[in-house]
Amino acid sequence: MTIDGDKVTRNPGYYIVAHAAKFVRPGSVRVVSNSDDSLPNVAFRTPDHLDVVVVLNNTEAQQVFTLDFKGKRVRPTLEPGAVGTYILDMK
């Protein structure tokens, strides 16, 4: 967060921590994910056998990207500056 007098600005890191705190539970482990500068991301496998992917759109344009999982493919869209969390069921 950035605090300037009475003005508080929540930066992307603020939202990334909030997403991780809600969806990446204790006992989760980091798993491999592909990343680039425009869509930095991190993935975890939870004790409940879910894969959780947190993605930041680090650009000024809407981004469509691909998540491949267990032979299936989804193409979510993130608005500029948005953080998205995707839950993939390993069961």
N, C-alpha and C. Protein backbone atom coordinates (compact mmCIF):
# COMPACT_ATOMS: atom_id res chain seq x y z
N MET A 1 0.84 -1.16 0.00
CA MET A 1 0.00 0.00 0.00
C MET A 1 0.89 1.23 0.00
N THR A 2 0.36 2.27 -0.60
CA THR A 2 1.04 3.56 -0.58
C THR A 2 0.15 4.52 0.19
N ILE A 3 0.71 5.20 1.19
CA ILE A 3 -0.05 6.17 1.96
C ILE A 3 0.57 7.53 1.72
N ASP A 4 -0.26 8.45 1.24
CA ASP A 4 0.17 9.81 0.95
C ASP A 4 -0.82 10.75 1.63
N GLY A 5 -0.48 11.17 2.85
CA GLY A 5 -1.42 11.99 3.63
C GLY A 5 -2.65 11.18 3.97
N ASP A 6 -3.82 11.64 3.52
CA ASP A 6 -5.07 10.94 3.76
C ASP A 6 -5.42 9.95 2.65
N LYS A 7 -4.59 9.89 1.62
CA LYS A 7 -4.88 9.03 0.47
C LYS A 7 -4.15 7.69 0.60
N VAL A 8 -4.91 6.59 0.51
CA VAL A 8 -4.36 5.23 0.57
C VAL A 8 -4.57 4.58 -0.79
N THR A 9 -3.50 4.10 -1.39
CA THR A 9 -3.57 3.40 -2.67
C THR A 9 -3.12 1.97 -2.46
N ARG A 10 -3.98 1.04 -2.84
CA ARG A 10 -3.65 -0.38 -2.72
C ARG A 10 -2.99 -0.82 -4.02
N ASN A 11 -1.75 -1.28 -3.94
CA ASN A 11 -1.03 -1.71 -5.14
C ASN A 11 -1.29 -3.20 -5.40
N PRO A 12 -0.84 -3.72 -6.55
CA PRO A 12 -1.12 -5.14 -6.86
C PRO A 12 -0.66 -6.11 -5.78
N GLY A 13 0.47 -5.84 -5.14
CA GLY A 13 0.95 -6.74 -4.09
C GLY A 13 -0.06 -6.92 -2.97
N TYR A 14 -0.78 -5.86 -2.65
CA TYR A 14 -1.82 -5.92 -1.62
C TYR A 14 -2.88 -6.97 -2.00
N TYR A 15 -3.31 -6.94 -3.25
CA TYR A 15 -4.35 -7.87 -3.70
C TYR A 15 -3.81 -9.29 -3.86
N ILE A 16 -2.55 -9.43 -4.28
CA ILE A 16 -1.95 -10.75 -4.42
C ILE A 16 -1.88 -11.44 -3.06
N VAL A 17 -1.47 -10.72 -2.03
CA VAL A 17 -1.41 -11.29 -0.68
C VAL A 17 -2.81 -11.68 -0.21
N ALA A 18 -3.80 -10.85 -0.50
CA ALA A 18 -5.18 -11.17 -0.10
C ALA A 18 -5.67 -12.44 -0.79
N HIS A 19 -5.40 -12.59 -2.10
CA HIS A 19 -5.81 -13.79 -2.83
C HIS A 19 -5.11 -15.02 -2.25
N ALA A 20 -3.81 -14.92 -2.05
CA ALA A 20 -3.05 -16.06 -1.52
C ALA A 20 -3.53 -16.44 -0.12
N ALA A 21 -3.79 -15.45 0.73
CA ALA A 21 -4.24 -15.73 2.09
C ALA A 21 -5.58 -16.47 2.10
N LYS A 22 -6.43 -16.18 1.13
CA LYS A 22 -7.74 -16.81 1.09
C LYS A 22 -7.70 -18.22 0.49
N PHE A 23 -6.88 -18.42 -0.55
CA PHE A 23 -6.96 -19.67 -1.31
C PHE A 23 -5.77 -20.61 -1.13
N VAL A 24 -4.62 -20.11 -0.69
CA VAL A 24 -3.43 -20.96 -0.52
C VAL A 24 -3.31 -21.27 0.97
N ARG A 25 -3.84 -22.42 1.35
CA ARG A 25 -3.94 -22.80 2.76
C ARG A 25 -2.63 -23.37 3.29
N PRO A 26 -2.45 -23.37 4.60
CA PRO A 26 -1.25 -23.98 5.20
C PRO A 26 -1.07 -25.41 4.71
N GLY A 27 0.17 -25.77 4.43
CA GLY A 27 0.49 -27.09 3.92
C GLY A 27 0.55 -27.15 2.40
N SER A 28 0.20 -26.05 1.72
CA SER A 28 0.28 -26.00 0.26
C SER A 28 1.74 -25.97 -0.16
N VAL A 29 2.01 -26.47 -1.37
CA VAL A 29 3.37 -26.44 -1.90
C VAL A 29 3.37 -25.75 -3.26
N ARG A 30 4.46 -25.07 -3.56
CA ARG A 30 4.62 -24.37 -4.83
C ARG A 30 4.82 -25.40 -5.93
N VAL A 31 4.12 -25.23 -7.06
CA VAL A 31 4.30 -26.10 -8.23
C VAL A 31 4.71 -25.24 -9.42
N VAL A 32 5.19 -25.89 -10.44
CA VAL A 32 5.72 -25.19 -11.62
C VAL A 32 4.59 -24.51 -12.39
N SER A 33 4.86 -23.28 -12.84
CA SER A 33 3.97 -22.58 -13.75
C SER A 33 4.83 -21.76 -14.70
N ASN A 34 4.30 -21.48 -15.88
CA ASN A 34 5.01 -20.64 -16.84
C ASN A 34 4.64 -19.20 -16.57
N SER A 35 5.58 -18.29 -16.76
CA SER A 35 5.32 -16.89 -16.46
C SER A 35 6.04 -16.00 -17.46
N ASP A 36 5.52 -14.80 -17.63
CA ASP A 36 6.21 -13.79 -18.41
C ASP A 36 5.99 -12.44 -17.74
N ASP A 37 6.63 -11.40 -18.25
CA ASP A 37 6.56 -10.09 -17.61
C ASP A 37 5.15 -9.51 -17.60
N SER A 38 4.35 -9.82 -18.61
CA SER A 38 3.02 -9.22 -18.67
C SER A 38 1.99 -9.95 -17.81
N LEU A 39 2.22 -11.24 -17.53
CA LEU A 39 1.29 -12.03 -16.71
C LEU A 39 2.06 -12.84 -15.66
N PRO A 40 2.74 -12.17 -14.72
CA PRO A 40 3.42 -12.94 -13.68
C PRO A 40 2.41 -13.76 -12.89
N ASN A 41 2.82 -14.98 -12.50
CA ASN A 41 1.89 -15.86 -11.80
C ASN A 41 2.66 -16.81 -10.89
N VAL A 42 1.91 -17.43 -10.02
CA VAL A 42 2.46 -18.44 -9.12
C VAL A 42 1.38 -19.50 -8.91
N ALA A 43 1.80 -20.76 -8.80
CA ALA A 43 0.84 -21.85 -8.63
C ALA A 43 1.21 -22.69 -7.41
N PHE A 44 0.18 -23.20 -6.73
CA PHE A 44 0.35 -24.01 -5.54
C PHE A 44 -0.57 -25.22 -5.61
N ARG A 45 -0.16 -26.33 -4.98
CA ARG A 45 -1.04 -27.48 -4.77
C ARG A 45 -1.39 -27.49 -3.29
N THR A 46 -2.69 -27.50 -3.00
CA THR A 46 -3.15 -27.44 -1.62
C THR A 46 -3.27 -28.84 -1.02
N PRO A 47 -3.36 -28.95 0.30
CA PRO A 47 -3.57 -30.26 0.93
C PRO A 47 -4.88 -30.92 0.49
N ASP A 48 -5.83 -30.14 -0.01
CA ASP A 48 -7.11 -30.68 -0.50
C ASP A 48 -7.03 -31.12 -1.95
N HIS A 49 -5.81 -31.17 -2.52
CA HIS A 49 -5.57 -31.62 -3.90
C HIS A 49 -6.17 -30.67 -4.94
N LEU A 50 -6.14 -29.38 -4.64
CA LEU A 50 -6.52 -28.36 -5.60
C LEU A 50 -5.26 -27.64 -6.06
N ASP A 51 -5.22 -27.24 -7.32
CA ASP A 51 -4.15 -26.36 -7.79
C ASP A 51 -4.71 -24.95 -7.83
N VAL A 52 -3.98 -24.02 -7.23
CA VAL A 52 -4.39 -22.63 -7.15
C VAL A 52 -3.36 -21.81 -7.92
N VAL A 53 -3.84 -21.04 -8.91
CA VAL A 53 -2.96 -20.20 -9.72
C VAL A 53 -3.38 -18.74 -9.51
N VAL A 54 -2.43 -17.91 -9.09
CA VAL A 54 -2.68 -16.47 -8.90
C VAL A 54 -1.93 -15.74 -10.02
N VAL A 55 -2.66 -14.93 -10.80
CA VAL A 55 -2.11 -14.26 -11.97
C VAL A 55 -2.35 -12.76 -11.87
N LEU A 56 -1.35 -11.97 -12.22
CA LEU A 56 -1.46 -10.51 -12.29
C LEU A 56 -1.34 -10.07 -13.73
N ASN A 57 -2.29 -9.25 -14.20
CA ASN A 57 -2.15 -8.62 -15.51
C ASN A 57 -1.33 -7.35 -15.31
N ASN A 58 -0.08 -7.41 -15.65
CA ASN A 58 0.88 -6.35 -15.40
C ASN A 58 0.98 -5.38 -16.58
N THR A 59 -0.12 -5.27 -17.36
CA THR A 59 -0.11 -4.40 -18.53
C THR A 59 -1.24 -3.38 -18.44
N GLU A 60 -1.32 -2.54 -19.44
CA GLU A 60 -2.39 -1.54 -19.51
C GLU A 60 -3.49 -1.96 -20.48
N ALA A 61 -3.49 -3.24 -20.87
CA ALA A 61 -4.50 -3.76 -21.80
C ALA A 61 -5.08 -5.05 -21.25
N GLN A 62 -6.32 -5.33 -21.65
CA GLN A 62 -6.95 -6.59 -21.29
C GLN A 62 -6.12 -7.75 -21.86
N GLN A 63 -5.94 -8.83 -21.09
CA GLN A 63 -5.13 -9.97 -21.53
C GLN A 63 -5.95 -11.25 -21.47
N VAL A 64 -5.89 -12.02 -22.55
CA VAL A 64 -6.45 -13.36 -22.59
C VAL A 64 -5.26 -14.31 -22.53
N PHE A 65 -5.36 -15.33 -21.70
CA PHE A 65 -4.26 -16.29 -21.56
C PHE A 65 -4.83 -17.68 -21.45
N THR A 66 -3.96 -18.67 -21.44
CA THR A 66 -4.38 -20.07 -21.44
C THR A 66 -3.92 -20.77 -20.18
N LEU A 67 -4.84 -21.53 -19.59
CA LEU A 67 -4.51 -22.45 -18.50
C LEU A 67 -4.78 -23.86 -19.03
N ASP A 68 -3.73 -24.68 -19.12
CA ASP A 68 -3.88 -26.08 -19.52
C ASP A 68 -3.82 -26.94 -18.26
N PHE A 69 -4.80 -27.85 -18.14
CA PHE A 69 -4.88 -28.64 -16.93
C PHE A 69 -5.56 -29.97 -17.22
N LYS A 70 -4.83 -31.05 -16.97
CA LYS A 70 -5.37 -32.41 -17.13
C LYS A 70 -6.06 -32.61 -18.48
N GLY A 71 -5.41 -32.16 -19.55
CA GLY A 71 -5.95 -32.33 -20.89
C GLY A 71 -7.05 -31.35 -21.26
N LYS A 72 -7.35 -30.42 -20.39
CA LYS A 72 -8.38 -29.42 -20.67
C LYS A 72 -7.71 -28.05 -20.75
N ARG A 73 -8.35 -27.15 -21.46
CA ARG A 73 -7.80 -25.81 -21.64
C ARG A 73 -8.90 -24.77 -21.41
N VAL A 74 -8.57 -23.75 -20.62
CA VAL A 74 -9.48 -22.61 -20.43
C VAL A 74 -8.73 -21.35 -20.83
N ARG A 75 -9.46 -20.34 -21.26
CA ARG A 75 -8.86 -19.09 -21.71
C ARG A 75 -9.52 -17.91 -20.98
N PRO A 76 -9.10 -17.66 -19.73
CA PRO A 76 -9.65 -16.54 -18.98
C PRO A 76 -9.13 -15.21 -19.50
N THR A 77 -9.83 -14.15 -19.12
CA THR A 77 -9.46 -12.78 -19.47
C THR A 77 -9.26 -11.98 -18.20
N LEU A 78 -8.19 -11.19 -18.15
CA LEU A 78 -7.95 -10.30 -17.01
C LEU A 78 -7.88 -8.87 -17.50
N GLU A 79 -8.53 -7.99 -16.77
CA GLU A 79 -8.49 -6.56 -17.07
C GLU A 79 -7.12 -5.99 -16.69
N PRO A 80 -6.75 -4.84 -17.22
CA PRO A 80 -5.46 -4.23 -16.89
C PRO A 80 -5.29 -4.04 -15.39
N GLY A 81 -4.14 -4.47 -14.87
CA GLY A 81 -3.84 -4.31 -13.45
C GLY A 81 -4.56 -5.26 -12.52
N ALA A 82 -5.41 -6.15 -13.06
CA ALA A 82 -6.22 -7.04 -12.23
C ALA A 82 -5.42 -8.25 -11.75
N VAL A 83 -5.84 -8.80 -10.63
CA VAL A 83 -5.32 -10.05 -10.09
C VAL A 83 -6.44 -11.08 -10.17
N GLY A 84 -6.13 -12.26 -10.69
CA GLY A 84 -7.12 -13.33 -10.78
C GLY A 84 -6.61 -14.57 -10.09
N THR A 85 -7.50 -15.30 -9.43
CA THR A 85 -7.15 -16.57 -8.81
C THR A 85 -8.00 -17.64 -9.44
N TYR A 86 -7.35 -18.72 -9.84
CA TYR A 86 -8.02 -19.83 -10.55
C TYR A 86 -7.78 -21.10 -9.75
N ILE A 87 -8.88 -21.81 -9.48
CA ILE A 87 -8.84 -23.04 -8.68
C ILE A 87 -9.07 -24.21 -9.64
N LEU A 88 -8.09 -25.12 -9.70
CA LEU A 88 -8.16 -26.28 -10.58
C LEU A 88 -8.22 -27.53 -9.71
N ASP A 89 -9.25 -28.35 -9.91
CA ASP A 89 -9.48 -29.51 -9.05
C ASP A 89 -8.69 -30.71 -9.56
N MET A 90 -7.79 -31.24 -8.71
CA MET A 90 -6.95 -32.39 -9.06
C MET A 90 -7.69 -33.71 -8.91
N LYS A 91 -8.88 -33.72 -8.33
CA LYS A 91 -9.60 -34.97 -8.06
C LYS A 91 -10.16 -35.59 -9.31
